[in-house]
Amino acid sequence: MDEIVTKDSKPLKLFSATLGLILSLLMIQAAQAGPREQAKRIHDRLAGVPPTASVLDAMETDITNEDNVAAAYRAMDNSAFYSVTLKNFVTPWTNEAETVFAPLNDYTATVIGIVRDDIDIREMLYGDILYTGNSAGLSAYSNSNNTHYEQMEDQALDLKAVLQQSTQSSITGLEAEATAGVLTSRAAAKAFLIDGTNRAQFRFTLINHLCGDLEPLKDTTRAADRIRQDIARSPGGDSRIFNNSCYGCHAGMDPMIQSFAYYNYQYDVESDPDGENGQLVYNSAGATDPVTGTRVQAKYFNNKANFPYGFITEDDSWDNYWRAGQNSNVGWDESLTGSGNGAKSMGQELSHSAKFAQCQVEKVFANVCLRKPGNAADRAQVQSMITSLSDNNFELKRTFAESAVYCMGE
């Protein structure tokens, strides 16, 4: 075979050897990164911007003194950690397209605030909590638009500085017992409670906060007594489709999403087809839906003729049928009863599971280390961080710090 040569007649093999030597030297240099290089890598991973000389000096000192976590916390003092890293981390959870390009909203802002203030991350799914912007010139929070948060983004406000903790009940008027963290935020309602049957709210909560869709949880050994009327038992005339597919998901999901029976996202489909000016509505005690004659929203009776003998929703009581059977491995909190009324207690059921903690850690690891856990060392680190999360009051900021330290290089 003829030897291939470069334009200046030097053999390509010589060029390849030189390139290989350069790459080898770079790999050696990375593998032997000193405290200053490690400090910069931690800062890059967490803040996404270069550190100032003084911050880099302080972080280098921390690492030299074997206080790597302190170095990571210094990096998270940078406003970019909140306005860029966390914003991009959370935003895909707030919409069905799972895009990072959605505008800032109350869901995203609230999670950022929870992380900033070292609040138990589990309250994200059940707390009476809401973060708004405290800055002159901002429109007030509105139940019927996202202007307040879009103005924060348009003005490039420092989220670390301007986010202010409050309660949903005091700002939105939703009664405290009906609040469920980000699940009852306006953004979540617009994305997951609009139209439909409210099942999207449950499905995307599983995807975003337990890191799994319905399919892996499908269990055909659970009772079918709570599957609603809209689910045909013989779709297309074939009962096998229901028994082998629909049954396993709905047997567990329908009893859980009954917790949202009093919630809806209300908007004018004629003048506002995308629901940009809609709002979350909740049927308080004494309210009566004109279709159902109870507090239950009419959407829970959609397509009720599909199977008239199916379950009829009368209230917002829920039960977790997945506490038994194959899904007991989700790691449900045995101090909880596995049943209740309303979204708050159902959100607590999900967020107090072992799977929720594991999911948060794995998402942070992938975000900071730029890869999913892939080997035994990675999996051991994830398990160590799950334990640390529990031991440190479920403060997710520490998980970010520990991930950055693990991936800082040696």
Protein backbone atom coordinates (compact mmCIF):
# COMPACT_ATOMS: atom_id res chain seq x y z
CA MET A 1 0.00 0.00 0.00
CA ASP A 2 1.41 3.41 -0.94
CA GLU A 3 2.37 5.68 1.91
CA ILE A 4 0.08 8.70 2.31
CA VAL A 5 1.97 11.97 2.66
CA THR A 6 0.95 15.44 3.74
CA LYS A 7 1.05 18.52 1.49
CA ASP A 8 4.66 19.32 2.47
CA SER A 9 5.65 15.68 1.84
CA LYS A 10 6.06 14.74 5.51
CA PRO A 11 4.60 11.34 6.23
CA LEU A 12 1.18 11.36 7.82
CA LYS A 13 2.49 8.87 10.36
CA LEU A 14 4.86 11.51 11.73
CA PHE A 15 2.00 13.99 12.04
CA SER A 16 -0.16 11.41 13.82
CA ALA A 17 2.66 10.52 16.22
CA THR A 18 3.18 14.18 17.09
CA LEU A 19 -0.53 14.71 17.65
CA GLY A 20 -0.70 11.63 19.83
CA LEU A 21 2.23 12.88 21.92
CA ILE A 22 0.51 16.23 22.45
CA LEU A 23 -2.74 14.55 23.50
CA SER A 24 -0.86 12.26 25.87
CA LEU A 25 0.86 15.22 27.50
CA LEU A 26 -2.48 16.99 27.91
CA MET A 27 -4.00 13.90 29.50
CA ILE A 28 -1.09 13.60 31.89
CA GLN A 29 -1.42 17.26 32.77
CA ALA A 30 -5.16 16.84 33.45
CA ALA A 31 -4.58 13.71 35.50
CA GLN A 32 -1.97 15.56 37.59
CA ALA A 33 -4.05 18.71 38.09
CA GLY A 34 -2.92 20.66 41.12
CA PRO A 35 -5.10 22.53 43.62
CA ARG A 36 -5.36 25.63 41.43
CA GLU A 37 -6.44 23.66 38.37
CA GLN A 38 -8.91 21.71 40.51
CA ALA A 39 -10.31 24.94 41.92
CA LYS A 40 -10.86 26.35 38.46
CA ARG A 41 -12.54 23.16 37.32
CA ILE A 42 -14.92 23.24 40.30
CA HIS A 43 -15.80 26.85 39.57
CA ASP A 44 -16.32 26.18 35.87
CA ARG A 45 -18.62 23.25 36.57
CA LEU A 46 -20.75 25.07 39.14
CA ALA A 47 -20.86 28.66 37.93
CA GLY A 48 -20.00 28.25 34.26
CA VAL A 49 -17.90 31.41 34.31
CA PRO A 50 -14.23 32.03 35.20
CA PRO A 51 -13.51 32.87 38.84
CA THR A 52 -11.90 36.13 39.87
CA ALA A 53 -8.26 35.89 40.93
CA SER A 54 -9.15 36.39 44.61
CA VAL A 55 -11.83 33.69 44.54
CA LEU A 56 -9.48 31.29 42.77
CA ASP A 57 -6.80 31.99 45.37
CA ALA A 58 -9.23 31.29 48.21
CA MET A 59 -10.47 28.10 46.58
CA GLU A 60 -6.91 26.93 45.98
CA THR A 61 -6.19 27.46 49.67
CA ASP A 62 -9.29 25.48 50.63
CA ILE A 63 -8.22 22.55 48.46
CA THR A 64 -4.64 22.69 49.72
CA ASN A 65 -6.08 22.50 53.24
CA GLU A 66 -8.19 19.51 52.16
CA ASP A 67 -11.46 21.42 52.53
CA ASN A 68 -12.72 20.77 49.02
CA VAL A 69 -16.40 21.25 49.85
CA ALA A 70 -15.66 24.75 51.15
CA ALA A 71 -14.05 25.53 47.80
CA ALA A 72 -17.20 24.39 46.02
CA TYR A 73 -19.37 26.59 48.24
CA ARG A 74 -17.20 29.56 47.31
CA ALA A 75 -17.90 28.82 43.65
CA MET A 76 -21.63 28.72 44.37
CA ASP A 77 -21.40 32.23 45.80
CA ASN A 78 -21.18 33.38 42.21
CA SER A 79 -24.53 34.70 40.98
CA ALA A 80 -24.19 32.69 37.78
CA PHE A 81 -24.75 29.49 39.77
CA TYR A 82 -28.32 30.67 40.41
CA SER A 83 -29.13 32.72 37.31
CA VAL A 84 -27.61 30.29 34.81
CA THR A 85 -26.68 26.87 36.21
CA LEU A 86 -29.73 26.32 38.41
CA LYS A 87 -32.11 28.06 36.02
CA ASN A 88 -31.05 25.77 33.17
CA PHE A 89 -31.13 22.78 35.52
CA VAL A 90 -34.73 23.35 36.63
CA THR A 91 -36.47 24.91 33.60
CA PRO A 92 -36.99 21.63 31.65
CA TRP A 93 -39.09 20.32 34.55
CA THR A 94 -41.63 23.10 34.02
CA ASN A 95 -42.95 22.18 30.58
CA GLU A 96 -44.01 19.07 28.66
CA ALA A 97 -41.46 19.70 25.90
CA GLU A 98 -38.76 19.53 28.61
CA THR A 99 -36.98 22.46 26.97
CA VAL A 100 -34.47 24.70 28.69
CA PHE A 101 -35.61 27.63 26.56
CA ALA A 102 -38.85 28.27 28.45
CA PRO A 103 -39.09 31.62 30.27
CA LEU A 104 -38.36 32.02 33.96
CA ASN A 105 -41.49 31.24 35.99
CA ASP A 106 -42.68 30.65 39.54
CA TYR A 107 -41.79 26.93 39.44
CA THR A 108 -38.17 27.58 38.41
CA ALA A 109 -37.74 30.55 40.74
CA THR A 110 -39.09 28.60 43.70
CA VAL A 111 -36.70 25.68 43.23
CA ILE A 112 -33.77 28.09 42.85
CA GLY A 113 -34.79 29.82 46.07
CA ILE A 114 -35.15 26.52 47.93
CA VAL A 115 -31.63 25.51 46.90
CA ARG A 116 -30.18 28.93 47.70
CA ASP A 117 -31.70 29.00 51.19
CA ASP A 118 -30.82 25.39 52.03
CA ILE A 119 -34.47 24.43 52.54
CA ASP A 120 -35.30 20.72 52.62
CA ILE A 121 -35.60 19.92 48.89
CA ARG A 122 -38.48 17.55 49.62
CA GLU A 123 -40.69 20.55 50.41
CA MET A 124 -40.52 21.30 46.71
CA LEU A 125 -43.47 18.92 46.30
CA TYR A 126 -45.60 19.84 49.31
CA GLY A 127 -44.56 23.10 50.97
CA ASP A 128 -46.59 26.30 51.18
CA ILE A 129 -43.75 28.12 49.51
CA LEU A 130 -43.23 30.56 46.64
CA TYR A 131 -40.36 32.78 45.55
CA THR A 132 -40.93 36.11 43.85
CA GLY A 133 -38.63 38.97 42.87
CA ASN A 134 -37.99 41.82 45.26
CA SER A 135 -36.90 44.61 42.94
CA ALA A 136 -38.23 48.05 42.07
CA GLY A 137 -40.04 48.27 38.75
CA LEU A 138 -41.30 44.68 38.63
CA SER A 139 -44.96 44.04 38.06
CA ALA A 140 -46.64 42.31 40.96
CA TYR A 141 -47.05 38.55 40.89
CA SER A 142 -50.20 37.64 38.97
CA ASN A 143 -52.30 34.48 39.05
CA SER A 144 -53.14 35.01 35.38
CA ASN A 145 -49.81 35.81 33.67
CA ASN A 146 -46.06 35.26 33.92
CA THR A 147 -45.08 38.92 33.48
CA HIS A 148 -43.43 39.23 36.91
CA TYR A 149 -40.85 36.55 36.12
CA GLU A 150 -40.35 37.47 32.48
CA GLN A 151 -39.47 40.99 33.59
CA MET A 152 -36.88 39.58 35.99
CA GLU A 153 -35.33 37.70 33.09
CA ASP A 154 -35.57 40.61 30.61
CA GLN A 155 -33.82 42.88 33.11
CA ALA A 156 -31.16 40.22 33.77
CA LEU A 157 -31.73 40.54 37.51
CA ASP A 158 -29.44 38.67 39.86
CA LEU A 159 -31.63 35.79 41.07
CA LYS A 160 -29.33 35.15 43.99
CA ALA A 161 -30.04 38.67 45.24
CA VAL A 162 -33.64 39.39 44.27
CA LEU A 163 -35.53 36.17 45.00
CA GLN A 164 -37.61 36.49 48.12
CA GLN A 165 -39.29 33.65 49.99
CA SER A 166 -42.99 33.85 50.72
CA THR A 167 -45.97 31.51 50.83
CA GLN A 168 -48.32 30.57 48.03
CA SER A 169 -51.27 31.08 50.34
CA SER A 170 -50.33 34.72 51.01
CA ILE A 171 -49.49 35.62 47.39
CA THR A 172 -51.84 33.53 45.25
CA GLY A 173 -54.75 33.20 47.66
CA LEU A 174 -54.69 29.40 47.45
CA GLU A 175 -55.58 28.06 50.87
CA ALA A 176 -52.58 26.70 52.74
CA GLU A 177 -53.83 23.11 52.94
CA ALA A 178 -54.24 23.10 49.13
CA THR A 179 -50.64 24.14 48.42
CA ALA A 180 -48.17 21.50 47.23
CA GLY A 181 -44.92 23.27 46.44
CA VAL A 182 -44.16 23.58 42.75
CA LEU A 183 -46.96 21.16 41.92
CA THR A 184 -49.42 23.97 42.60
CA SER A 185 -47.35 26.70 40.99
CA ARG A 186 -48.93 28.57 38.09
CA ALA A 187 -46.28 27.21 35.69
CA ALA A 188 -46.99 23.59 36.65
CA ALA A 189 -50.73 24.17 36.31
CA LYS A 190 -50.30 25.71 32.86
CA ALA A 191 -48.12 22.82 31.71
CA PHE A 192 -49.71 19.79 33.36
CA LEU A 193 -53.22 20.65 34.60
CA ILE A 194 -54.42 22.29 31.41
CA ASP A 195 -57.27 20.36 29.73
CA GLY A 196 -56.93 16.56 29.87
CA THR A 197 -57.58 14.59 33.05
CA ASN A 198 -54.77 15.86 35.34
CA ARG A 199 -52.82 12.64 34.81
CA ALA A 200 -50.05 14.62 33.09
CA GLN A 201 -49.31 16.24 36.44
CA PHE A 202 -48.60 12.84 37.99
CA ARG A 203 -46.64 11.48 35.04
CA PHE A 204 -44.31 14.46 34.75
CA THR A 205 -43.80 14.53 38.50
CA LEU A 206 -42.51 10.97 38.22
CA ILE A 207 -40.28 11.88 35.27
CA ASN A 208 -38.85 15.03 36.81
CA HIS A 209 -38.61 14.06 40.46
CA LEU A 210 -38.37 10.27 40.60
CA CYS A 211 -36.39 9.96 37.35
CA GLY A 212 -38.70 7.44 35.75
CA ASP A 213 -41.78 7.31 33.56
CA LEU A 214 -44.88 5.23 34.21
CA GLU A 215 -43.74 2.22 32.19
CA PRO A 216 -41.16 0.94 34.72
CA LEU A 217 -43.78 1.21 37.48
CA LYS A 218 -46.44 -0.72 35.58
CA ASP A 219 -47.79 -3.46 37.83
CA THR A 220 -50.70 -5.62 36.70
CA THR A 221 -50.97 -7.28 40.12
CA ARG A 222 -52.57 -4.19 41.69
CA ALA A 223 -56.35 -3.89 42.04
CA ALA A 224 -58.20 -2.12 39.23
CA ASP A 225 -60.98 -0.74 41.41
CA ARG A 226 -59.83 2.91 41.13
CA ILE A 227 -59.35 3.06 37.35
CA ARG A 228 -61.67 5.76 36.05
CA GLN A 229 -64.51 5.45 33.57
CA ASP A 230 -62.61 7.08 30.69
CA ILE A 231 -60.26 4.12 30.31
CA ALA A 232 -61.83 1.64 27.89
CA ARG A 233 -61.51 -1.95 29.05
CA SER A 234 -61.46 -3.25 25.46
CA PRO A 235 -59.79 -0.53 23.35
CA GLY A 236 -60.33 -1.33 19.69
CA GLY A 237 -62.39 -4.31 20.80
CA ASP A 238 -59.35 -6.08 22.27
CA SER A 239 -59.36 -6.49 26.05
CA ARG A 240 -55.77 -7.76 25.96
CA ILE A 241 -54.55 -4.22 25.28
CA PHE A 242 -56.12 -3.03 28.53
CA ASN A 243 -55.04 -6.05 30.56
CA ASN A 244 -51.44 -6.07 29.35
CA SER A 245 -50.77 -2.36 28.97
CA CYS A 246 -53.29 0.19 30.27
CA TYR A 247 -54.12 -1.71 33.46
CA GLY A 248 -50.64 -1.77 34.96
CA CYS A 249 -50.15 2.01 34.80
CA HIS A 250 -53.66 3.18 35.65
CA ALA A 251 -54.11 0.81 38.60
CA GLY A 252 -51.41 2.76 40.45
CA MET A 253 -51.70 6.21 38.85
CA ASP A 254 -55.45 6.82 39.09
CA PRO A 255 -55.67 6.36 42.88
CA MET A 256 -52.74 8.78 43.30
CA ILE A 257 -53.85 11.57 40.94
CA GLN A 258 -57.27 11.59 42.58
CA SER A 259 -55.42 13.94 44.96
CA PHE A 260 -55.77 16.67 42.29
CA ALA A 261 -59.53 16.18 41.83
CA TYR A 262 -60.30 19.76 42.93
CA TYR A 263 -57.70 21.46 40.69
CA ASN A 264 -57.87 22.78 37.14
CA TYR A 265 -56.16 25.30 34.89
CA GLN A 266 -58.85 27.65 33.66
CA TYR A 267 -58.54 29.77 30.51
CA ASP A 268 -60.59 31.09 27.60
CA VAL A 269 -59.94 28.71 24.72
CA GLU A 270 -61.44 31.12 22.19
CA SER A 271 -59.46 34.28 22.99
CA ASP A 272 -56.44 32.60 24.58
CA PRO A 273 -55.97 29.17 22.94
CA ASP A 274 -52.52 28.62 24.49
CA GLY A 275 -53.68 29.51 27.98
CA GLU A 276 -51.12 32.28 28.44
CA ASN A 277 -53.53 34.23 30.63
CA GLY A 278 -55.13 31.32 32.42
CA GLN A 279 -54.84 30.50 36.10
CA LEU A 280 -54.92 27.66 38.58
CA VAL A 281 -58.33 27.17 40.15
CA TYR A 282 -59.21 25.09 43.19
CA ASN A 283 -62.65 24.11 44.40
CA SER A 284 -62.63 24.97 48.09
CA ALA A 285 -65.04 23.50 50.63
CA GLY A 286 -68.57 24.51 49.71
CA ALA A 287 -67.78 24.94 46.01
CA THR A 288 -69.82 22.86 43.57
CA ASP A 289 -68.83 22.03 40.02
CA PRO A 290 -71.89 22.46 37.77
CA VAL A 291 -71.14 19.22 35.92
CA THR A 292 -70.29 16.90 38.80
CA GLY A 293 -72.42 18.45 41.53
CA THR A 294 -69.48 18.07 43.94
CA ARG A 295 -66.08 19.72 44.47
CA VAL A 296 -64.58 17.36 41.86
CA GLN A 297 -63.61 19.06 38.59
CA ALA A 298 -65.60 18.07 35.49
CA LYS A 299 -62.45 16.77 33.76
CA TYR A 300 -62.52 13.75 36.09
CA PHE A 301 -65.67 12.68 34.26
CA ASN A 302 -64.35 13.14 30.71
CA ASN A 303 -65.36 10.27 28.41
CA LYS A 304 -67.23 8.56 31.23
CA ALA A 305 -69.22 6.52 28.70
CA ASN A 306 -66.07 4.60 27.70
CA PHE A 307 -66.66 2.28 30.64
CA PRO A 308 -69.61 3.37 32.80
CA TYR A 309 -68.77 0.76 35.43
CA GLY A 310 -65.36 2.31 36.08
CA PHE A 311 -64.44 4.29 39.17
CA ILE A 312 -66.42 7.48 39.86
CA THR A 313 -64.37 10.18 41.58
CA GLU A 314 -66.26 11.66 44.52
CA ASP A 315 -63.52 13.46 46.44
CA ASP A 316 -59.72 14.05 46.54
CA SER A 317 -58.80 11.03 48.66
CA TRP A 318 -55.78 9.10 47.37
CA ASP A 319 -54.09 5.79 48.08
CA ASN A 320 -50.69 4.51 47.08
CA TYR A 321 -51.30 1.00 45.71
CA TRP A 322 -47.61 0.82 44.80
CA ARG A 323 -46.52 0.48 48.40
CA ALA A 324 -47.05 -3.26 47.90
CA GLY A 325 -45.83 -5.42 45.05
CA GLN A 326 -42.83 -4.74 42.84
CA ASN A 327 -42.89 -0.98 43.45
CA SER A 328 -42.23 -1.30 47.14
CA ASN A 329 -38.61 -0.95 46.00
CA VAL A 330 -39.28 2.77 45.42
CA GLY A 331 -38.52 3.03 49.12
CA TRP A 332 -41.69 4.57 50.53
CA ASP A 333 -41.42 6.31 53.89
CA GLU A 334 -42.85 3.91 56.48
CA SER A 335 -43.61 6.80 58.83
CA LEU A 336 -46.28 7.95 56.36
CA THR A 337 -49.60 6.15 55.93
CA GLY A 338 -49.61 5.85 52.13
CA SER A 339 -53.00 7.53 51.84
CA GLY A 340 -54.63 10.88 52.45
CA ASN A 341 -56.56 13.75 50.94
CA GLY A 342 -55.28 16.35 48.52
CA ALA A 343 -52.13 17.23 46.64
CA LYS A 344 -50.04 18.23 49.65
CA SER A 345 -50.00 14.82 51.31
CA MET A 346 -49.58 13.05 47.96
CA GLY A 347 -46.57 15.26 47.15
CA GLN A 348 -45.08 14.38 50.51
CA GLU A 349 -45.59 10.68 49.79
CA LEU A 350 -43.54 10.99 46.60
CA SER A 351 -40.80 13.28 47.92
CA HIS A 352 -40.18 11.25 51.06
CA SER A 353 -39.40 8.14 49.03
CA ALA A 354 -35.87 6.82 48.62
CA LYS A 355 -36.30 7.08 44.85
CA PHE A 356 -36.85 10.84 45.11
CA ALA A 357 -33.54 11.34 46.94
CA GLN A 358 -31.71 9.10 44.50
CA CYS A 359 -33.17 11.00 41.57
CA GLN A 360 -32.06 14.39 42.88
CA VAL A 361 -28.52 13.16 43.41
CA GLU A 362 -28.25 11.49 40.01
CA LYS A 363 -29.56 14.61 38.24
CA VAL A 364 -27.07 16.84 40.02
CA PHE A 365 -24.21 14.43 39.32
CA ALA A 366 -25.02 14.40 35.60
CA ASN A 367 -25.37 18.18 35.51
CA VAL A 368 -22.08 18.89 37.24
CA CYS A 369 -19.94 16.03 35.96
CA LEU A 370 -21.39 16.29 32.43
CA ARG A 371 -22.16 12.56 32.34
CA LYS A 372 -24.35 10.01 34.03
CA PRO A 373 -22.85 7.72 36.68
CA GLY A 374 -21.14 5.06 34.61
CA ASN A 375 -18.92 2.80 36.69
CA ALA A 376 -18.54 1.32 40.16
CA ALA A 377 -16.75 4.39 41.52
CA ASP A 378 -19.48 6.69 40.20
CA ARG A 379 -22.22 4.54 41.69
CA ALA A 380 -20.45 4.45 45.04
CA GLN A 381 -20.17 8.24 44.95
CA VAL A 382 -23.87 8.58 44.18
CA GLN A 383 -24.75 6.34 47.11
CA SER A 384 -22.46 8.36 49.36
CA MET A 385 -24.16 11.59 48.27
CA ILE A 386 -27.63 10.12 48.89
CA THR A 387 -26.58 9.39 52.46
CA SER A 388 -25.06 12.85 52.78
CA LEU A 389 -28.25 14.47 51.46
CA SER A 390 -30.26 12.77 54.19
CA ASP A 391 -27.67 13.55 56.87
CA ASN A 392 -27.57 17.23 55.87
CA ASN A 393 -31.29 18.04 56.04
CA PHE A 394 -31.83 17.43 52.32
CA GLU A 395 -29.89 20.57 51.33
CA LEU A 396 -29.34 20.11 47.60
CA LYS A 397 -26.62 22.75 47.41
CA ARG A 398 -24.33 20.34 49.24
CA THR A 399 -25.02 17.70 46.60
CA PHE A 400 -23.85 20.16 43.94
CA ALA A 401 -20.70 20.80 45.98
CA GLU A 402 -19.93 17.12 46.48
CA SER A 403 -20.47 16.36 42.79
CA ALA A 404 -18.09 19.15 41.76
CA VAL A 405 -15.44 17.90 44.17
CA TYR A 406 -15.75 14.34 42.87
CA CYS A 407 -15.29 15.53 39.28
CA MET A 408 -12.54 18.08 39.91
CA GLY A 409 -9.75 15.75 38.78
CA GLU A 410 -6.65 14.59 40.63
